[in-house]
């Protein structure tokens, strides 16, 4: 029996152009997948708003702020405060811009240990902001939701030791009445810090 070469299956070698095209297609697909993953992760990071608890946990403890000779921007807040929540992105952004020059202190009004400070600064609506000089003396305060630019301008003035321009009208607030007795401590706030030292 003789074998005829035409009866044998043929496995032609792929030419160089076909290999190059397959390689290009593979690389394009891999780049597209990598870009898709990057875009997905970037969009998730941009839409995630910092929580008030996270901002408070990363804020300067009050006792440190009152002794380190830097000016201080203090916010009285509560986790249930919708105006406070609405300002969380701006607060994070301001802290990023001014953290080297200004202490950012957050005091949760639901924590009874801050009652002396709440009473001292007449906090009856939140968010309530207090601007303190490097000696811990209150220079100005504002109540309610504030535009980021106004806060940024006042923080820049605080750093430069220039007069602050606090608007007379107050922004949207959440009503707050301090409970003198029976208030429950919030475990996420700055535990063990002295009060009444302002």
C-alpha atoms as a PDB file:
ATOM      1  CA  UNK A   1       0.000   0.000   0.000  1.00  0.00           C
ATOM      2  CA  UNK A   2       1.346   3.313  -0.965  1.00  0.00           C
ATOM      3  CA  UNK A   3       0.504   6.561   0.718  1.00  0.00           C
ATOM      4  CA  UNK A   4      -0.584   9.387  -1.381  1.00  0.00           C
ATOM      5  CA  UNK A   5       0.482  12.756   0.065  1.00  0.00           C
ATOM      6  CA  UNK A   6      -2.956  14.179  -0.758  1.00  0.00           C
ATOM      7  CA  UNK A   7      -4.615  11.628   1.584  1.00  0.00           C
ATOM      8  CA  UNK A   8      -2.709  12.875   4.643  1.00  0.00           C
ATOM      9  CA  UNK A   9      -4.233  15.649   6.754  1.00  0.00           C
ATOM     10  CA  UNK A  10      -2.487  18.918   6.267  1.00  0.00           C
ATOM     11  CA  UNK A  11      -1.422  21.137   9.166  1.00  0.00           C
ATOM     12  CA  UNK A  12      -0.217  24.206   7.453  1.00  0.00           C
ATOM     13  CA  UNK A  13       2.072  26.367   9.530  1.00  0.00           C
ATOM     14  CA  UNK A  14       0.363  29.672  10.449  1.00  0.00           C
ATOM     15  CA  UNK A  15       1.965  32.526   8.644  1.00  0.00           C
ATOM     16  CA  UNK A  16       3.643  35.412  10.461  1.00  0.00           C
ATOM     17  CA  UNK A  17       0.777  37.832   9.686  1.00  0.00           C
ATOM     18  CA  UNK A  18      -1.804  35.579  11.369  1.00  0.00           C
ATOM     19  CA  UNK A  19       0.339  35.201  14.496  1.00  0.00           C
ATOM     20  CA  UNK A  20       0.878  38.957  14.700  1.00  0.00           C
ATOM     21  CA  UNK A  21      -2.856  39.625  14.331  1.00  0.00           C
ATOM     22  CA  UNK A  22      -3.713  37.104  17.069  1.00  0.00           C
ATOM     23  CA  UNK A  23      -1.115  38.655  19.367  1.00  0.00           C
ATOM     24  CA  UNK A  24      -2.488  42.165  18.715  1.00  0.00           C
ATOM     25  CA  UNK A  25      -6.048  40.989  19.428  1.00  0.00           C
ATOM     26  CA  UNK A  26      -4.918  39.396  22.682  1.00  0.00           C
ATOM     27  CA  UNK A  27      -3.066  42.548  23.792  1.00  0.00           C
ATOM     28  CA  UNK A  28      -6.039  44.781  22.925  1.00  0.00           C
ATOM     29  CA  UNK A  29      -8.347  42.521  24.955  1.00  0.00           C
ATOM     30  CA  UNK A  30      -5.983  42.581  27.954  1.00  0.00           C
ATOM     31  CA  UNK A  31      -5.647  46.383  27.840  1.00  0.00           C
ATOM     32  CA  UNK A  32      -9.428  46.752  27.617  1.00  0.00           C
ATOM     33  CA  UNK A  33      -9.891  44.521  30.669  1.00  0.00           C
ATOM     34  CA  UNK A  34      -7.252  46.449  32.634  1.00  0.00           C
ATOM     35  CA  UNK A  35      -8.854  49.805  31.742  1.00  0.00           C
ATOM     36  CA  UNK A  36     -12.297  48.532  32.703  1.00  0.00           C
ATOM     37  CA  UNK A  37     -11.055  47.420  36.110  1.00  0.00           C
ATOM     38  CA  UNK A  38      -9.248  50.734  36.659  1.00  0.00           C
ATOM     39  CA  UNK A  39     -12.333  52.774  35.710  1.00  0.00           C
ATOM     40  CA  UNK A  40     -14.530  50.667  37.984  1.00  0.00           C
ATOM     41  CA  UNK A  41     -12.231  51.073  40.981  1.00  0.00           C
ATOM     42  CA  UNK A  42     -11.782  54.807  40.369  1.00  0.00           C
ATOM     43  CA  UNK A  43     -15.523  55.419  40.129  1.00  0.00           C
ATOM     44  CA  UNK A  44     -16.091  53.474  43.353  1.00  0.00           C
ATOM     45  CA  UNK A  45     -13.505  55.555  45.206  1.00  0.00           C
ATOM     46  CA  UNK A  46     -14.999  58.813  43.947  1.00  0.00           C
ATOM     47  CA  UNK A  47     -18.549  57.895  44.983  1.00  0.00           C
ATOM     48  CA  UNK A  48     -17.660  56.605  48.444  1.00  0.00           C
ATOM     49  CA  UNK A  49     -18.262  59.414  50.912  1.00  0.00           C
ATOM     50  CA  UNK A  50     -16.243  59.381  54.102  1.00  0.00           C
ATOM     51  CA  UNK A  51     -18.322  58.543  57.154  1.00  0.00           C
ATOM     52  CA  UNK A  52     -18.526  60.932  60.073  1.00  0.00           C
ATOM     53  CA  UNK A  53     -17.213  58.180  62.344  1.00  0.00           C
ATOM     54  CA  UNK A  54     -14.144  57.774  60.126  1.00  0.00           C
ATOM     55  CA  UNK A  55     -13.557  61.530  60.029  1.00  0.00           C
ATOM     56  CA  UNK A  56     -13.895  61.706  63.828  1.00  0.00           C
ATOM     57  CA  UNK A  57     -11.562  58.763  64.361  1.00  0.00           C
ATOM     58  CA  UNK A  58      -8.943  60.517  62.220  1.00  0.00           C
ATOM     59  CA  UNK A  59      -9.397  63.930  63.817  1.00  0.00           C
ATOM     60  CA  UNK A  60      -7.038  65.534  66.303  1.00  0.00           C
ATOM     61  CA  UNK A  61      -7.896  64.736  69.945  1.00  0.00           C
ATOM     62  CA  UNK A  62      -9.101  67.842  71.774  1.00  0.00           C
ATOM     63  CA  UNK A  63      -6.345  67.718  74.420  1.00  0.00           C
ATOM     64  CA  UNK A  64      -3.694  67.659  71.682  1.00  0.00           C
ATOM     65  CA  UNK A  65      -5.326  70.508  69.766  1.00  0.00           C
ATOM     66  CA  UNK A  66      -5.366  72.695  72.862  1.00  0.00           C
ATOM     67  CA  UNK A  67      -1.661  72.215  73.559  1.00  0.00           C
ATOM     68  CA  UNK A  68       0.150  72.063  70.204  1.00  0.00           C
ATOM     69  CA  UNK A  69      -0.020  75.827  69.446  1.00  0.00           C
ATOM     70  CA  UNK A  70      -1.743  75.302  66.076  1.00  0.00           C
ATOM     71  CA  UNK A  71      -5.084  76.961  65.310  1.00  0.00           C
ATOM     72  CA  UNK A  72      -8.052  74.617  65.579  1.00  0.00           C
ATOM     73  CA  UNK A  73     -11.218  74.059  63.573  1.00  0.00           C
ATOM     74  CA  UNK A  74     -13.712  72.245  65.794  1.00  0.00           C
ATOM     75  CA  UNK A  75     -16.944  70.669  64.596  1.00  0.00           C
ATOM     76  CA  UNK A  76     -19.765  69.553  66.874  1.00  0.00           C
ATOM     77  CA  UNK A  77     -21.613  66.827  64.985  1.00  0.00           C
ATOM     78  CA  UNK A  78     -23.778  63.707  65.314  1.00  0.00           C
ATOM     79  CA  UNK A  79     -23.905  60.644  63.091  1.00  0.00           C
ATOM     80  CA  UNK A  80     -27.671  61.135  62.588  1.00  0.00           C
ATOM     81  CA  UNK A  81     -27.228  64.769  61.467  1.00  0.00           C
ATOM     82  CA  UNK A  82     -28.074  64.984  57.758  1.00  0.00           C
ATOM     83  CA  UNK A  83     -26.376  68.389  57.402  1.00  0.00           C
ATOM     84  CA  UNK A  84     -23.213  66.960  58.972  1.00  0.00           C
ATOM     85  CA  UNK A  85     -23.354  63.983  56.620  1.00  0.00           C
ATOM     86  CA  UNK A  86     -23.841  66.281  53.619  1.00  0.00           C
ATOM     87  CA  UNK A  87     -20.637  68.135  54.528  1.00  0.00           C
ATOM     88  CA  UNK A  88     -18.467  65.025  55.062  1.00  0.00           C
ATOM     89  CA  UNK A  89     -16.796  65.236  51.624  1.00  0.00           C
ATOM     90  CA  UNK A  90     -16.024  68.928  52.086  1.00  0.00           C
ATOM     91  CA  UNK A  91     -14.654  68.305  55.561  1.00  0.00           C
ATOM     92  CA  UNK A  92     -12.373  65.555  54.243  1.00  0.00           C
ATOM     93  CA  UNK A  93     -11.204  67.832  51.435  1.00  0.00           C
ATOM     94  CA  UNK A  94     -10.558  70.751  53.806  1.00  0.00           C
ATOM     95  CA  UNK A  95      -8.628  68.501  56.146  1.00  0.00           C
ATOM     96  CA  UNK A  96      -6.480  67.338  53.231  1.00  0.00           C
ATOM     97  CA  UNK A  97      -5.763  70.959  52.294  1.00  0.00           C
ATOM     98  CA  UNK A  98      -5.089  72.329  55.803  1.00  0.00           C
ATOM     99  CA  UNK A  99      -4.073  69.372  58.003  1.00  0.00           C
ATOM    100  CA  UNK A 100      -0.458  70.536  58.320  1.00  0.00           C
ATOM    101  CA  UNK A 101      -1.525  73.978  59.552  1.00  0.00           C
ATOM    102  CA  UNK A 102      -4.809  73.461  61.433  1.00  0.00           C
ATOM    103  CA  UNK A 103      -6.077  70.933  63.984  1.00  0.00           C
ATOM    104  CA  UNK A 104      -9.356  69.344  62.891  1.00  0.00           C
ATOM    105  CA  UNK A 105     -11.345  68.312  65.971  1.00  0.00           C
ATOM    106  CA  UNK A 106     -14.716  66.567  65.861  1.00  0.00           C
ATOM    107  CA  UNK A 107     -16.863  66.274  68.987  1.00  0.00           C
ATOM    108  CA  UNK A 108     -19.927  64.034  68.895  1.00  0.00           C
ATOM    109  CA  UNK A 109     -22.795  65.777  70.697  1.00  0.00           C
ATOM    110  CA  UNK A 110     -24.288  62.402  71.598  1.00  0.00           C
ATOM    111  CA  UNK A 111     -21.329  61.730  73.888  1.00  0.00           C
ATOM    112  CA  UNK A 112     -21.993  63.201  77.345  1.00  0.00           C
ATOM    113  CA  UNK A 113     -18.302  63.744  78.061  1.00  0.00           C
ATOM    114  CA  UNK A 114     -18.406  66.703  75.644  1.00  0.00           C
ATOM    115  CA  UNK A 115     -21.212  68.372  77.613  1.00  0.00           C
ATOM    116  CA  UNK A 116     -18.906  71.033  79.121  1.00  0.00           C
ATOM    117  CA  UNK A 117     -17.761  72.041  75.617  1.00  0.00           C
ATOM    118  CA  UNK A 118     -21.332  71.872  74.278  1.00  0.00           C
ATOM    119  CA  UNK A 119     -22.469  74.250  77.024  1.00  0.00           C
ATOM    120  CA  UNK A 120     -19.424  76.503  76.735  1.00  0.00           C
ATOM    121  CA  UNK A 121     -19.967  77.078  73.011  1.00  0.00           C
ATOM    122  CA  UNK A 122     -23.806  77.220  73.233  1.00  0.00           C
ATOM    123  CA  UNK A 123     -24.304  74.341  70.812  1.00  0.00           C
ATOM    124  CA  UNK A 124     -28.018  74.110  70.014  1.00  0.00           C
ATOM    125  CA  UNK A 125     -27.817  73.179  66.339  1.00  0.00           C
ATOM    126  CA  UNK A 126     -25.385  71.067  64.385  1.00  0.00           C
ATOM    127  CA  UNK A 127     -23.095  71.176  62.598  1.00  0.00           C
ATOM    128  CA  UNK A 128     -21.631  73.843  64.853  1.00  0.00           C
ATOM    129  CA  UNK A 129     -18.135  75.070  63.943  1.00  0.00           C
ATOM    130  CA  UNK A 130     -15.715  76.892  66.239  1.00  0.00           C
ATOM    131  CA  UNK A 131     -12.482  78.545  65.086  1.00  0.00           C
ATOM    132  CA  UNK A 132      -9.790  78.644  67.800  1.00  0.00           C
ATOM    133  CA  UNK A 133      -6.446  80.411  67.672  1.00  0.00           C
ATOM    134  CA  UNK A 134      -3.144  78.722  68.568  1.00  0.00           C
ATOM    135  CA  UNK A 135      -3.765  79.471  72.258  1.00  0.00           C
ATOM    136  CA  UNK A 136      -7.147  77.710  72.234  1.00  0.00           C
ATOM    137  CA  UNK A 137      -9.157  80.944  72.371  1.00  0.00           C
ATOM    138  CA  UNK A 138     -12.407  80.988  70.384  1.00  0.00           C
ATOM    139  CA  UNK A 139     -12.305  83.579  67.603  1.00  0.00           C
ATOM    140  CA  UNK A 140     -15.591  82.861  65.831  1.00  0.00           C
ATOM    141  CA  UNK A 141     -18.247  80.232  65.313  1.00  0.00           C
ATOM    142  CA  UNK A 142     -20.795  79.344  62.672  1.00  0.00           C
ATOM    143  CA  UNK A 143     -23.796  77.077  62.729  1.00  0.00           C
ATOM    144  CA  UNK A 144     -25.267  74.981  59.967  1.00  0.00           C
ATOM    145  CA  UNK A 145     -24.223  73.656  56.621  1.00  0.00           C
ATOM    146  CA  UNK A 146     -21.614  75.955  55.070  1.00  0.00           C
ATOM    147  CA  UNK A 147     -20.256  76.211  51.536  1.00  0.00           C
ATOM    148  CA  UNK A 148     -16.804  74.673  51.254  1.00  0.00           C
ATOM    149  CA  UNK A 149     -15.288  77.877  49.862  1.00  0.00           C
ATOM    150  CA  UNK A 150     -16.416  79.957  52.856  1.00  0.00           C
ATOM    151  CA  UNK A 151     -14.877  77.449  55.254  1.00  0.00           C
ATOM    152  CA  UNK A 152     -11.680  77.300  53.164  1.00  0.00           C
ATOM    153  CA  UNK A 153     -11.397  81.106  53.145  1.00  0.00           C
ATOM    154  CA  UNK A 154     -11.868  81.238  56.919  1.00  0.00           C
ATOM    155  CA  UNK A 155      -9.333  78.466  57.498  1.00  0.00           C
ATOM    156  CA  UNK A 156      -6.814  80.363  55.355  1.00  0.00           C
ATOM    157  CA  UNK A 157      -7.539  83.500  57.414  1.00  0.00           C
ATOM    158  CA  UNK A 158      -7.166  81.490  60.631  1.00  0.00           C
ATOM    159  CA  UNK A 159      -3.728  80.271  59.540  1.00  0.00           C
ATOM    160  CA  UNK A 160      -2.664  83.778  58.475  1.00  0.00           C
ATOM    161  CA  UNK A 161      -4.053  85.226  61.737  1.00  0.00           C
ATOM    162  CA  UNK A 162      -6.323  87.513  59.706  1.00  0.00           C
ATOM    163  CA  UNK A 163      -9.898  88.402  60.719  1.00  0.00           C
ATOM    164  CA  UNK A 164     -12.469  85.744  59.886  1.00  0.00           C
ATOM    165  CA  UNK A 165     -15.552  86.579  57.851  1.00  0.00           C
ATOM    166  CA  UNK A 166     -18.322  84.420  59.265  1.00  0.00           C
ATOM    167  CA  UNK A 167     -21.659  84.878  57.447  1.00  0.00           C
ATOM    168  CA  UNK A 168     -24.531  86.179  59.592  1.00  0.00           C
ATOM    169  CA  UNK A 169     -27.059  83.747  58.145  1.00  0.00           C
ATOM    170  CA  UNK A 170     -26.800  80.174  59.219  1.00  0.00           C
ATOM    171  CA  UNK A 171     -27.007  77.190  56.927  1.00  0.00           C
ATOM    172  CA  UNK A 172     -29.248  74.166  57.244  1.00  0.00           C
ATOM    173  CA  UNK A 173     -28.931  72.602  60.698  1.00  0.00           C
ATOM    174  CA  UNK A 174     -30.129  69.641  62.674  1.00  0.00           C
ATOM    175  CA  UNK A 175     -31.683  70.726  65.962  1.00  0.00           C
ATOM    176  CA  UNK A 176     -29.854  69.565  69.027  1.00  0.00           C
ATOM    177  CA  UNK A 177     -30.655  69.919  72.711  1.00  0.00           C
ATOM    178  CA  UNK A 178     -27.955  68.775  75.102  1.00  0.00           C
ATOM    179  CA  UNK A 179     -29.064  66.198  77.632  1.00  0.00           C
ATOM    180  CA  UNK A 180     -27.578  67.061  80.991  1.00  0.00           C
ATOM    181  CA  UNK A 181     -28.293  63.640  82.522  1.00  0.00           C
ATOM    182  CA  UNK A 182     -28.665  60.136  81.167  1.00  0.00           C
ATOM    183  CA  UNK A 183     -26.814  60.675  77.915  1.00  0.00           C
ATOM    184  CA  UNK A 184     -25.155  57.573  76.518  1.00  0.00           C
ATOM    185  CA  UNK A 185     -21.463  57.742  75.596  1.00  0.00           C
ATOM    186  CA  UNK A 186     -20.488  57.061  72.009  1.00  0.00           C
ATOM    187  CA  UNK A 187     -17.635  54.516  71.990  1.00  0.00           C
ATOM    188  CA  UNK A 188     -16.257  55.892  68.692  1.00  0.00           C
ATOM    189  CA  UNK A 189     -15.450  59.298  70.113  1.00  0.00           C
ATOM    190  CA  UNK A 190     -12.165  60.317  71.713  1.00  0.00           C
ATOM    191  CA  UNK A 191     -12.293  58.344  74.941  1.00  0.00           C
ATOM    192  CA  UNK A 192     -10.583  59.437  78.103  1.00  0.00           C
ATOM    193  CA  UNK A 193      -9.830  63.022  77.128  1.00  0.00           C
ATOM    194  CA  UNK A 194     -10.189  65.767  79.714  1.00  0.00           C
ATOM    195  CA  UNK A 195     -13.118  68.137  79.318  1.00  0.00           C
ATOM    196  CA  UNK A 196     -13.740  71.647  80.449  1.00  0.00           C
ATOM    197  CA  UNK A 197     -10.201  72.722  79.581  1.00  0.00           C
ATOM    198  CA  UNK A 198     -11.282  75.226  76.980  1.00  0.00           C
END
